[in-house]
C-alpha atoms as a PDB file:
ATOM      1  CA  MET A   1      36.791  28.891-112.251  1.00  0.00           C
ATOM      2  CA  SER A   2      37.449  28.832-108.648  1.00  0.00           C
ATOM      3  CA  GLU A   3      34.803  27.608-106.219  1.00  0.00           C
ATOM      4  CA  LEU A   4      34.588  31.118-104.630  1.00  0.00           C
ATOM      5  CA  ASP A   5      33.728  32.404-108.123  1.00  0.00           C
ATOM      6  CA  GLN A   6      30.976  29.785-108.603  1.00  0.00           C
ATOM      7  CA  ALA A   7      29.437  30.541-105.082  1.00  0.00           C
ATOM      8  CA  TYR A   8      29.072  34.290-105.979  1.00  0.00           C
ATOM      9  CA  ARG A   9      27.662  33.582-109.466  1.00  0.00           C
ATOM     10  CA  ALA A  10      24.946  31.335-107.659  1.00  0.00           C
ATOM     11  CA  LEU A  11      24.079  34.001-105.146  1.00  0.00           C
ATOM     12  CA  SER A  12      23.639  36.665-107.886  1.00  0.00           C
ATOM     13  CA  HIS A  13      21.496  34.398-109.765  1.00  0.00           C
ATOM     14  CA  GLU A  14      19.099  33.658-106.785  1.00  0.00           C
ATOM     15  CA  ALA A  15      19.022  37.676-106.087  1.00  0.00           C
ATOM     16  CA  ASP A  16      17.957  38.203-109.669  1.00  0.00           C
ATOM     17  CA  THR A  17      15.142  35.618-109.708  1.00  0.00           C
ATOM     18  CA  MET A  18      13.583  36.537-106.238  1.00  0.00           C
ATOM     19  CA  ARG A  19      10.603  39.147-106.128  1.00  0.00           C
ATOM     20  CA  LEU A  20      10.813  41.813-103.607  1.00  0.00           C
ATOM     21  CA  ALA A  21       7.724  42.473-101.512  1.00  0.00           C
ATOM     22  CA  THR A  22       5.769  45.655-102.422  1.00  0.00           C
ATOM     23  CA  PRO A  23       5.465  48.573 -99.890  1.00  0.00           C
ATOM     24  CA  GLU A  24       1.725  47.588 -99.224  1.00  0.00           C
ATOM     25  CA  ALA A  25       2.612  44.187 -98.343  1.00  0.00           C
ATOM     26  CA  LEU A  26       5.443  45.300 -96.036  1.00  0.00           C
ATOM     27  CA  ARG A  27       2.796  47.570 -94.101  1.00  0.00           C
ATOM     28  CA  ALA A  28       0.426  44.783 -93.889  1.00  0.00           C
ATOM     29  CA  ARG A  29       2.946  42.568 -92.566  1.00  0.00           C
ATOM     30  CA  ALA A  30       3.924  45.280 -89.810  1.00  0.00           C
ATOM     31  CA  ASP A  31       0.256  45.895 -88.866  1.00  0.00           C
ATOM     32  CA  ARG A  32      -0.184  42.048 -88.318  1.00  0.00           C
ATOM     33  CA  ARG A  33       2.830  41.953 -86.148  1.00  0.00           C
ATOM     34  CA  ASN A  34       1.423  44.804 -83.972  1.00  0.00           C
ATOM     35  CA  ARG A  35      -1.970  43.030 -83.598  1.00  0.00           C
ATOM     36  CA  VAL A  36       0.015  40.076 -82.340  1.00  0.00           C
ATOM     37  CA  ARG A  37       1.661  42.046 -79.775  1.00  0.00           C
ATOM     38  CA  VAL A  38      -1.579  43.634 -78.424  1.00  0.00           C
ATOM     39  CA  THR A  39      -3.351  40.045 -78.260  1.00  0.00           C
ATOM     40  CA  ALA A  40      -0.511  38.716 -76.342  1.00  0.00           C
ATOM     41  CA  ALA A  41      -0.852  41.524 -73.924  1.00  0.00           C
ATOM     42  CA  ALA A  42      -4.654  41.209 -73.519  1.00  0.00           C
ATOM     43  CA  VAL A  43      -4.116  37.396 -72.976  1.00  0.00           C
ATOM     44  CA  ALA A  44      -1.630  38.157 -70.092  1.00  0.00           C
ATOM     45  CA  ALA A  45      -3.843  40.779 -68.495  1.00  0.00           C
ATOM     46  CA  ALA A  46      -6.797  38.171 -68.717  1.00  0.00           C
ATOM     47  CA  ILE A  47      -4.762  35.626 -66.919  1.00  0.00           C
ATOM     48  CA  ALA A  48      -3.607  38.085 -64.243  1.00  0.00           C
ATOM     49  CA  VAL A  49      -7.208  39.321 -63.621  1.00  0.00           C
ATOM     50  CA  GLY A  50      -8.442  35.511 -63.611  1.00  0.00           C
ATOM     51  CA  SER A  51      -5.784  34.816 -60.750  1.00  0.00           C
ATOM     52  CA  ALA A  52      -6.913  37.733 -58.879  1.00  0.00           C
ATOM     53  CA  VAL A  53     -10.536  36.364 -58.907  1.00  0.00           C
ATOM     54  CA  VAL A  54      -9.726  32.977 -58.071  1.00  0.00           C
ATOM     55  CA  GLY A  55      -7.506  34.319 -55.079  1.00  0.00           C
ATOM     56  CA  THR A  56     -10.451  36.472 -53.893  1.00  0.00           C
ATOM     57  CA  GLN A  57     -13.108  34.441 -51.773  1.00  0.00           C
ATOM     58  CA  TRP A  58     -16.556  35.472 -50.733  1.00  0.00           C
ATOM     59  CA  VAL A  59     -18.059  34.651 -47.340  1.00  0.00           C
ATOM     60  CA  PHE A  60     -21.902  34.194 -47.241  1.00  0.00           C
ATOM     61  CA  ARG A  61     -23.624  34.771 -43.998  1.00  0.00           C
ATOM     62  CA  ALA A  62     -26.043  32.334 -42.520  1.00  0.00           C
ATOM     63  CA  ASP A  63     -29.051  34.505 -42.987  1.00  0.00           C
ATOM     64  CA  GLY A  64     -28.417  34.720 -46.852  1.00  0.00           C
ATOM     65  CA  THR A  65     -27.312  38.371 -46.925  1.00  0.00           C
ATOM     66  CA  SER A  66     -24.975  39.759 -49.369  1.00  0.00           C
ATOM     67  CA  PRO A  67     -21.542  38.322 -49.217  1.00  0.00           C
ATOM     68  CA  ALA A  68     -18.533  40.253 -48.000  1.00  0.00           C
ATOM     69  CA  PRO A  69     -15.142  39.832 -49.617  1.00  0.00           C
ATOM     70  CA  LEU A  70     -12.344  38.593 -47.454  1.00  0.00           C
ATOM     71  CA  PRO A  71      -9.366  40.958 -46.674  1.00  0.00           C
ATOM     72  CA  PRO A  72      -6.864  40.940 -49.631  1.00  0.00           C
ATOM     73  CA  GLY A  73      -4.477  38.120 -49.497  1.00  0.00           C
ATOM     74  CA  ALA A  74      -6.961  35.777 -47.570  1.00  0.00           C
ATOM     75  CA  THR A  75      -7.556  32.306 -48.775  1.00  0.00           C
ATOM     76  CA  SER A  76     -10.452  30.221 -48.561  1.00  0.00           C
ATOM     77  CA  SER A  77      -8.929  27.848 -45.976  1.00  0.00           C
ATOM     78  CA  PRO A  78      -7.037  29.523 -43.403  1.00  0.00           C
ATOM     79  CA  THR A  79      -3.575  27.899 -42.775  1.00  0.00           C
ATOM     80  CA  PRO A  80      -3.973  25.955 -39.357  1.00  0.00           C
ATOM     81  CA  PRO A  81      -1.665  27.001 -36.572  1.00  0.00           C
ATOM     82  CA  ALA A  82       1.397  25.185 -36.359  1.00  0.00           C
ATOM     83  CA  PRO A  83       1.024  22.355 -33.815  1.00  0.00           C
ATOM     84  CA  THR A  84       2.356  22.794 -30.462  1.00  0.00           C
ATOM     85  CA  SER A  85       3.588  20.075 -28.313  1.00  0.00           C
ATOM     86  CA  ALA A  86       1.025  19.437 -25.515  1.00  0.00           C
ATOM     87  CA  PRO A  87       2.297  19.939 -21.943  1.00  0.00           C
ATOM     88  CA  PRO A  88       3.449  16.798 -20.365  1.00  0.00           C
ATOM     89  CA  THR A  89       0.882  15.026 -18.375  1.00  0.00           C
ATOM     90  CA  SER A  90       1.590  12.824 -15.345  1.00  0.00           C
ATOM     91  CA  ALA A  91      -0.096   9.455 -15.608  1.00  0.00           C
ATOM     92  CA  SER A  92      -3.000   9.284 -12.932  1.00  0.00           C
ATOM     93  CA  PRO A  93      -2.291   6.564 -10.361  1.00  0.00           C
ATOM     94  CA  THR A  94      -4.403   3.486 -10.660  1.00  0.00           C
ATOM     95  CA  PRO A  95      -6.911   3.755  -7.635  1.00  0.00           C
ATOM     96  CA  GLN A  96      -6.463   1.267  -5.039  1.00  0.00           C
ATOM     97  CA  ARG A  97      -9.034  -0.330  -3.101  1.00  0.00           C
ATOM     98  CA  ALA A  98      -8.514   0.167   0.586  1.00  0.00           C
ATOM     99  CA  THR A  99      -7.717  -3.022   2.456  1.00  0.00           C
ATOM    100  CA  THR A 100      -7.311  -3.670   6.044  1.00  0.00           C
ATOM    101  CA  ALA A 101      -3.661  -4.527   6.924  1.00  0.00           C
ATOM    102  CA  PRO A 102      -3.017  -7.935   8.264  1.00  0.00           C
ATOM    103  CA  PRO A 103      -1.947  -8.343  11.880  1.00  0.00           C
ATOM    104  CA  THR A 104       1.771  -7.767  12.217  1.00  0.00           C
ATOM    105  CA  THR A 105       4.480  -9.205  14.752  1.00  0.00           C
ATOM    106  CA  PRO A 106       7.052  -6.925  16.319  1.00  0.00           C
ATOM    107  CA  SER A 107       9.483  -7.673  13.528  1.00  0.00           C
ATOM    108  CA  GLY A 108       6.886  -6.495  10.889  1.00  0.00           C
ATOM    109  CA  ASN A 109       6.109 -10.175   9.656  1.00  0.00           C
ATOM    110  CA  THR A 110       2.518 -11.283   8.853  1.00  0.00           C
ATOM    111  CA  ALA A 111       0.695 -12.483  11.919  1.00  0.00           C
ATOM    112  CA  PRO A 112       1.052 -16.342  12.434  1.00  0.00           C
ATOM    113  CA  LYS A 113      -1.748 -18.707  11.380  1.00  0.00           C
ATOM    114  CA  SER A 114      -1.267 -21.083  14.354  1.00  0.00           C
ATOM    115  CA  ILE A 115       0.505 -20.987  17.715  1.00  0.00           C
ATOM    116  CA  PRO A 116       3.204 -23.818  17.780  1.00  0.00           C
ATOM    117  CA  ASN A 117       4.501 -25.716  20.744  1.00  0.00           C
ATOM    118  CA  SER A 118       7.744 -23.870  20.706  1.00  0.00           C
ATOM    119  CA  ALA A 119       6.045 -20.857  21.546  1.00  0.00           C
ATOM    120  CA  PHE A 120       5.352 -21.949  24.929  1.00  0.00           C
ATOM    121  CA  LEU A 121       7.621 -22.706  27.930  1.00  0.00           C
ATOM    122  CA  GLN A 122       9.637 -25.943  27.284  1.00  0.00           C
ATOM    123  CA  VAL A 123      10.533 -28.966  29.608  1.00  0.00           C
ATOM    124  CA  ALA A 124      14.164 -27.488  29.581  1.00  0.00           C
ATOM    125  CA  ASP A 125      12.717 -24.359  31.173  1.00  0.00           C
ATOM    126  CA  THR A 126      10.973 -26.136  34.109  1.00  0.00           C
ATOM    127  CA  ASN A 127      14.004 -27.438  35.876  1.00  0.00           C
ATOM    128  CA  GLY A 128      12.149 -30.924  35.686  1.00  0.00           C
ATOM    129  CA  ARG A 129      11.112 -33.779  33.331  1.00  0.00           C
ATOM    130  CA  GLU A 130       7.381 -33.237  33.431  1.00  0.00           C
ATOM    131  CA  PRO A 131       6.028 -33.036  29.925  1.00  0.00           C
ATOM    132  CA  VAL A 132       4.200 -29.841  28.885  1.00  0.00           C
ATOM    133  CA  VAL A 133       0.717 -30.716  27.806  1.00  0.00           C
ATOM    134  CA  ASP A 134      -2.358 -29.041  26.260  1.00  0.00           C
ATOM    135  CA  THR A 135      -5.006 -27.965  28.446  1.00  0.00           C
ATOM    136  CA  PRO A 136      -8.526 -26.336  27.786  1.00  0.00           C
ATOM    137  CA  SER A 137      -8.662 -22.606  27.452  1.00  0.00           C
ATOM    138  CA  ASP A 138     -11.702 -22.140  29.719  1.00  0.00           C
ATOM    139  CA  ASP A 139      -9.953 -20.870  32.964  1.00  0.00           C
ATOM    140  CA  VAL A 140      -7.182 -18.631  31.439  1.00  0.00           C
ATOM    141  CA  LEU A 141      -7.817 -16.077  34.138  1.00  0.00           C
ATOM    142  CA  PRO A 142      -9.622 -15.958  37.604  1.00  0.00           C
ATOM    143  CA  ALA A 143     -13.201 -14.808  37.639  1.00  0.00           C
ATOM    144  CA  LEU A 144     -12.482 -11.301  38.840  1.00  0.00           C
ATOM    145  CA  CYS A 145     -16.299 -10.909  39.746  1.00  0.00           C
ATOM    146  CA  ASP A 146     -17.288 -12.417  36.576  1.00  0.00           C
ATOM    147  CA  ALA A 147     -15.683  -9.758  34.485  1.00  0.00           C
ATOM    148  CA  THR A 148     -15.969  -9.786  30.766  1.00  0.00           C
ATOM    149  CA  TYR A 149     -13.733  -8.350  28.201  1.00  0.00           C
ATOM    150  CA  ALA A 150     -15.036  -6.781  24.979  1.00  0.00           C
ATOM    151  CA  SER A 151     -11.651  -7.299  23.289  1.00  0.00           C
ATOM    152  CA  ASP A 152     -12.225 -11.101  23.426  1.00  0.00           C
ATOM    153  CA  ARG A 153     -14.264 -10.722  20.133  1.00  0.00           C
ATOM    154  CA  SER A 154     -10.823  -9.592  18.671  1.00  0.00           C
ATOM    155  CA  ILE A 155      -8.893 -12.936  19.439  1.00  0.00           C
ATOM    156  CA  ASP A 156      -7.779 -14.483  16.341  1.00  0.00           C
ATOM    157  CA  LEU A 157      -5.894 -17.419  17.837  1.00  0.00           C
ATOM    158  CA  GLN A 158      -5.824 -18.775  21.317  1.00  0.00           C
ATOM    159  CA  ARG A 159      -3.983 -21.878  22.991  1.00  0.00           C
ATOM    160  CA  SER A 160      -3.316 -23.141  26.344  1.00  0.00           C
ATOM    161  CA  ARG A 161      -0.779 -25.504  27.909  1.00  0.00           C
ATOM    162  CA  ARG A 162      -0.152 -26.799  31.509  1.00  0.00           C
ATOM    163  CA  VAL A 163       3.587 -26.391  32.590  1.00  0.00           C
ATOM    164  CA  THR A 164       4.834 -28.206  35.812  1.00  0.00           C
ATOM    165  CA  TYR A 165       7.826 -26.480  37.368  1.00  0.00           C
ATOM    166  CA  TRP A 166      10.450 -26.794  39.891  1.00  0.00           C
ATOM    167  CA  THR A 167      12.096 -23.631  41.354  1.00  0.00           C
ATOM    168  CA  ALA A 168      15.840 -25.374  41.328  1.00  0.00           C
ATOM    169  CA  PRO A 169      17.215 -27.980  38.882  1.00  0.00           C
ATOM    170  CA  GLY A 170      18.307 -31.487  39.752  1.00  0.00           C
ATOM    171  CA  ARG A 171      15.678 -32.003  42.493  1.00  0.00           C
ATOM    172  CA  GLU A 172      15.008 -35.566  41.478  1.00  0.00           C
ATOM    173  CA  GLY A 173      12.383 -37.222  43.718  1.00  0.00           C
ATOM    174  CA  TYR A 174      10.963 -33.974  44.927  1.00  0.00           C
ATOM    175  CA  VAL A 175       7.291 -32.999  44.374  1.00  0.00           C
ATOM    176  CA  PRO A 176       6.981 -30.118  41.953  1.00  0.00           C
ATOM    177  CA  ASP A 177       6.708 -26.420  43.379  1.00  0.00           C
ATOM    178  CA  GLY A 178       3.946 -25.371  41.347  1.00  0.00           C
ATOM    179  CA  THR A 179       2.276 -25.413  37.904  1.00  0.00           C
ATOM    180  CA  PHE A 180       1.433 -22.770  35.278  1.00  0.00           C
ATOM    181  CA  ARG A 181      -1.482 -22.359  33.015  1.00  0.00           C
ATOM    182  CA  GLN A 182       0.162 -20.689  30.152  1.00  0.00           C
ATOM    183  CA  SER A 183      -2.088 -19.096  27.522  1.00  0.00           C
ATOM    184  CA  ILE A 184      -1.034 -17.372  24.317  1.00  0.00           C
ATOM    185  CA  ARG A 185      -3.389 -15.174  22.266  1.00  0.00           C
ATOM    186  CA  VAL A 186      -3.008 -13.369  18.908  1.00  0.00           C
ATOM    187  CA  TYR A 187      -5.340 -10.425  18.710  1.00  0.00           C
ATOM    188  CA  GLU A 188      -6.442  -8.395  15.672  1.00  0.00           C
ATOM    189  CA  PRO A 189      -4.354  -5.257  14.924  1.00  0.00           C
ATOM    190  CA  GLY A 190      -4.295  -2.860  17.993  1.00  0.00           C
ATOM    191  CA  ARG A 191      -6.793  -4.862  20.245  1.00  0.00           C
ATOM    192  CA  ALA A 192      -4.301  -6.759  22.422  1.00  0.00           C
ATOM    193  CA  SER A 193      -3.232  -3.355  24.169  1.00  0.00           C
ATOM    194  CA  ARG A 194      -7.049  -2.843  24.763  1.00  0.00           C
ATOM    195  CA  PHE A 195      -7.210  -6.384  26.690  1.00  0.00           C
ATOM    196  CA  VAL A 196      -4.320  -5.450  28.946  1.00  0.00           C
ATOM    197  CA  ASP A 197      -6.225  -2.243  29.867  1.00  0.00           C
ATOM    198  CA  GLU A 198      -9.487  -4.000  30.414  1.00  0.00           C
ATOM    199  CA  LEU A 199      -7.854  -6.555  32.568  1.00  0.00           C
ATOM    200  CA  ARG A 200      -6.155  -3.957  34.649  1.00  0.00           C
ATOM    201  CA  ASP A 201      -9.534  -2.281  35.206  1.00  0.00           C
ATOM    202  CA  ALA A 202     -11.171  -5.449  35.987  1.00  0.00           C
ATOM    203  CA  VAL A 203      -8.575  -6.138  38.856  1.00  0.00           C
ATOM    204  CA  ALA A 204      -9.181  -2.438  40.279  1.00  0.00           C
ATOM    205  CA  ALA A 205     -12.838  -3.036  40.015  1.00  0.00           C
ATOM    206  CA  CYS A 206     -12.840  -6.258  41.878  1.00  0.00           C
ATOM    207  CA  PRO A 207     -10.827  -5.992  45.132  1.00  0.00           C
ATOM    208  CA  SER A 208     -12.795  -9.099  46.605  1.00  0.00           C
ATOM    209  CA  ASP A 209     -15.087 -11.606  45.639  1.00  0.00           C
ATOM    210  CA  GLY A 210     -16.398 -14.131  48.189  1.00  0.00           C
ATOM    211  CA  ASP A 211     -13.307 -15.206  50.010  1.00  0.00           C
ATOM    212  CA  ARG A 212     -10.844 -14.245  47.400  1.00  0.00           C
ATOM    213  CA  ARG A 213      -9.022 -10.808  47.293  1.00  0.00           C
ATOM    214  CA  TYR A 214      -7.396  -9.355  44.263  1.00  0.00           C
ATOM    215  CA  ARG A 215      -4.771  -6.541  43.812  1.00  0.00           C
ATOM    216  CA  THR A 216      -2.118  -5.580  41.467  1.00  0.00           C
ATOM    217  CA  VAL A 217       1.729  -6.123  42.419  1.00  0.00           C
ATOM    218  CA  SER A 218       4.753  -4.428  41.351  1.00  0.00           C
ATOM    219  CA  ALA A 219       6.722  -6.438  38.941  1.00  0.00           C
ATOM    220  CA  PRO A 220       9.601  -5.647  36.198  1.00  0.00           C
ATOM    221  CA  LYS A 221       8.225  -4.464  32.887  1.00  0.00           C
ATOM    222  CA  GLN A 222       8.230  -6.775  30.030  1.00  0.00           C
ATOM    223  CA  GLY A 223       7.372  -6.423  26.454  1.00  0.00           C
ATOM    224  CA  ASP A 224       5.251  -3.662  25.122  1.00  0.00           C
ATOM    225  CA  GLN A 225       2.881  -3.979  28.219  1.00  0.00           C
ATOM    226  CA  SER A 226       2.928  -5.993  31.392  1.00  0.00           C
ATOM    227  CA  LEU A 227       0.720  -6.579  34.413  1.00  0.00           C
ATOM    228  CA  MET A 228       0.870  -8.870  37.520  1.00  0.00           C
ATOM    229  CA  PHE A 229      -1.722  -9.239  39.989  1.00  0.00           C
ATOM    230  CA  GLU A 230      -2.438 -11.575  42.880  1.00  0.00           C
ATOM    231  CA  VAL A 231      -5.130 -13.831  44.004  1.00  0.00           C
ATOM    232  CA  ARG A 232      -5.307 -14.254  47.776  1.00  0.00           C
ATOM    233  CA  TYR A 233      -7.618 -16.685  49.678  1.00  0.00           C
ATOM    234  CA  PRO A 234      -7.654 -18.613  53.152  1.00  0.00           C
ATOM    235  CA  THR A 235      -5.400 -21.623  53.296  1.00  0.00           C
ATOM    236  CA  LYS A 236      -7.105 -24.762  54.420  1.00  0.00           C
ATOM    237  CA  ASP A 237      -6.017 -28.285  55.675  1.00  0.00           C
ATOM    238  CA  PRO A 238      -6.592 -31.532  53.890  1.00  0.00           C
ATOM    239  CA  GLU A 239     -10.044 -31.606  55.614  1.00  0.00           C
ATOM    240  CA  GLY A 240     -11.019 -28.188  54.238  1.00  0.00           C
ATOM    241  CA  ASN A 241     -10.742 -26.204  57.680  1.00  0.00           C
ATOM    242  CA  PRO A 242      -9.214 -22.959  57.325  1.00  0.00           C
ATOM    243  CA  THR A 243      -5.663 -22.814  58.937  1.00  0.00           C
ATOM    244  CA  GLY A 244      -5.503 -19.243  59.588  1.00  0.00           C
ATOM    245  CA  GLY A 245      -3.168 -18.240  56.777  1.00  0.00           C
ATOM    246  CA  ASP A 246      -3.433 -17.366  53.040  1.00  0.00           C
ATOM    247  CA  ASP A 247      -2.411 -18.747  49.924  1.00  0.00           C
ATOM    248  CA  VAL A 248      -1.252 -16.557  47.126  1.00  0.00           C
ATOM    249  CA  ARG A 249      -1.560 -17.287  43.297  1.00  0.00           C
ATOM    250  CA  LEU A 250       0.105 -14.746  40.749  1.00  0.00           C
ATOM    251  CA  VAL A 251      -1.083 -14.166  37.329  1.00  0.00           C
ATOM    252  CA  SER A 252       1.821 -12.522  34.836  1.00  0.00           C
ATOM    253  CA  VAL A 253       0.548 -10.916  31.631  1.00  0.00           C
ATOM    254  CA  VAL A 254       2.945  -9.809  29.011  1.00  0.00           C
ATOM    255  CA  ARG A 255       1.952  -8.214  25.669  1.00  0.00           C
ATOM    256  CA  ILE A 256       4.187  -8.058  22.586  1.00  0.00           C
ATOM    257  CA  GLY A 257       2.708  -6.426  19.601  1.00  0.00           C
ATOM    258  CA  ASP A 258      -0.617  -8.089  18.818  1.00  0.00           C
ATOM    259  CA  VAL A 259       0.304 -11.242  21.014  1.00  0.00           C
ATOM    260  CA  VAL A 260      -0.217 -11.789  24.673  1.00  0.00           C
ATOM    261  CA  THR A 261       1.049 -14.510  27.025  1.00  0.00           C
ATOM    262  CA  ILE A 262      -0.464 -15.203  30.468  1.00  0.00           C
ATOM    263  CA  LEU A 263       1.203 -17.258  33.089  1.00  0.00           C
ATOM    264  CA  TYR A 264      -1.356 -18.230  35.678  1.00  0.00           C
ATOM    265  CA  GLU A 265       0.339 -19.737  38.618  1.00  0.00           C
ATOM    266  CA  THR A 266      -2.060 -22.426  40.043  1.00  0.00           C
ATOM    267  CA  GLY A 267       0.063 -24.281  42.647  1.00  0.00           C
ATOM    268  CA  TRP A 268       0.644 -27.932  43.228  1.00  0.00           C
ATOM    269  CA  GLU A 269      -2.113 -29.847  45.201  1.00  0.00           C
ATOM    270  CA  ALA A 270      -2.222 -28.344  48.652  1.00  0.00           C
ATOM    271  CA  GLY A 271       1.391 -26.797  48.152  1.00  0.00           C
ATOM    272  CA  TRP A 272       2.604 -23.476  49.238  1.00  0.00           C
ATOM    273  CA  SER A 273       2.071 -20.009  47.740  1.00  0.00           C
ATOM    274  CA  ALA A 274       3.624 -18.620  44.560  1.00  0.00           C
ATOM    275  CA  GLU A 275       6.644 -16.660  44.880  1.00  0.00           C
ATOM    276  CA  PRO A 276       6.940 -13.372  42.907  1.00  0.00           C
ATOM    277  CA  ASP A 277      10.573 -13.873  41.964  1.00  0.00           C
ATOM    278  CA  VAL A 278       9.939 -17.323  40.678  1.00  0.00           C
ATOM    279  CA  VAL A 279       7.098 -16.134  38.714  1.00  0.00           C
ATOM    280  CA  ASN A 280       9.189 -13.274  37.539  1.00  0.00           C
ATOM    281  CA  ALA A 281      11.877 -15.704  36.265  1.00  0.00           C
ATOM    282  CA  PHE A 282       9.536 -17.820  34.587  1.00  0.00           C
ATOM    283  CA  THR A 283       7.917 -14.628  32.941  1.00  0.00           C
ATOM    284  CA  ASP A 284      11.429 -13.735  31.464  1.00  0.00           C
ATOM    285  CA  LYS A 285      11.622 -17.301  29.958  1.00  0.00           C
ATOM    286  CA  ALA A 286       8.059 -17.251  28.429  1.00  0.00           C
ATOM    287  CA  VAL A 287       8.910 -13.862  26.811  1.00  0.00           C
ATOM    288  CA  ASP A 288      12.049 -15.241  25.359  1.00  0.00           C
ATOM    289  CA  ARG A 289      10.057 -18.200  23.799  1.00  0.00           C
ATOM    290  CA  ILE A 290       7.563 -15.839  22.300  1.00  0.00           C
ATOM    291  CA  ARG A 291      10.186 -13.446  20.803  1.00  0.00           C
ATOM    292  CA  SER A 292      11.969 -16.383  19.182  1.00  0.00           C
ATOM    293  CA  TRP A 293       8.730 -17.596  17.663  1.00  0.00           C
ATOM    294  CA  LEU A 294       7.810 -14.368  16.253  1.00  0.00           C
ATOM    295  CA  ASP A 295      11.189 -13.444  15.032  1.00  0.00           C
END
């Protein structure tokens, strides 16, 4: 007997021994299958309703009145708006405390803390060999009717020196032609020009004081401001008697920025009067020394 015949015989035997379900059993099985379908549908519906309830939120008023439902689709926590970049802000400048600017020279450098010898006329400028020496700063200017200057309170530095001069070089053995009391002042910012104005007014307000007479004289402009005036008084002989003539002293003032130089020609013993051309020439040299110092 072939294997195929054996398989058919076994299948026939199993069919003969298996009991077929009765019609009532088949109907009961169909009813149970239908109930399973209905239950599954109900569960699905319940899940859908639950989701709807969870998604629906209630808002309670502060006064405790009935809640009002949110609109459909609203959630309990509204989605925050998308962040927007803040407009760029410029950093506020750090406030600076106002300070008083230090005095400055014409070249823009900070004002000096001292006045060196090099700022004054030098022996090489005098046409002689007499040393230049320090002198007190008491008589920087003629009295001018006892004039006072408010700008004196603004003087930061002051120094005076005595300069002995000759009008021409190489005059070995000759007495000097005169002397200068040279004074240099450094003022607070903006105050030096006030001094020159005050001095000009003082000369105009004091045409005479005892036997002395004062007046401004013309001179080449120097620096930022300049002024020259004369002091005239009777000439006297060695015994102190008037000779009928006049002696003349000259004062040359030049401002460069906040620095002022004053050349007060004081003569030599009972010598002759100051000459404007000579004083102008020494003023030129004095201005050059000041500029070299400040630069």
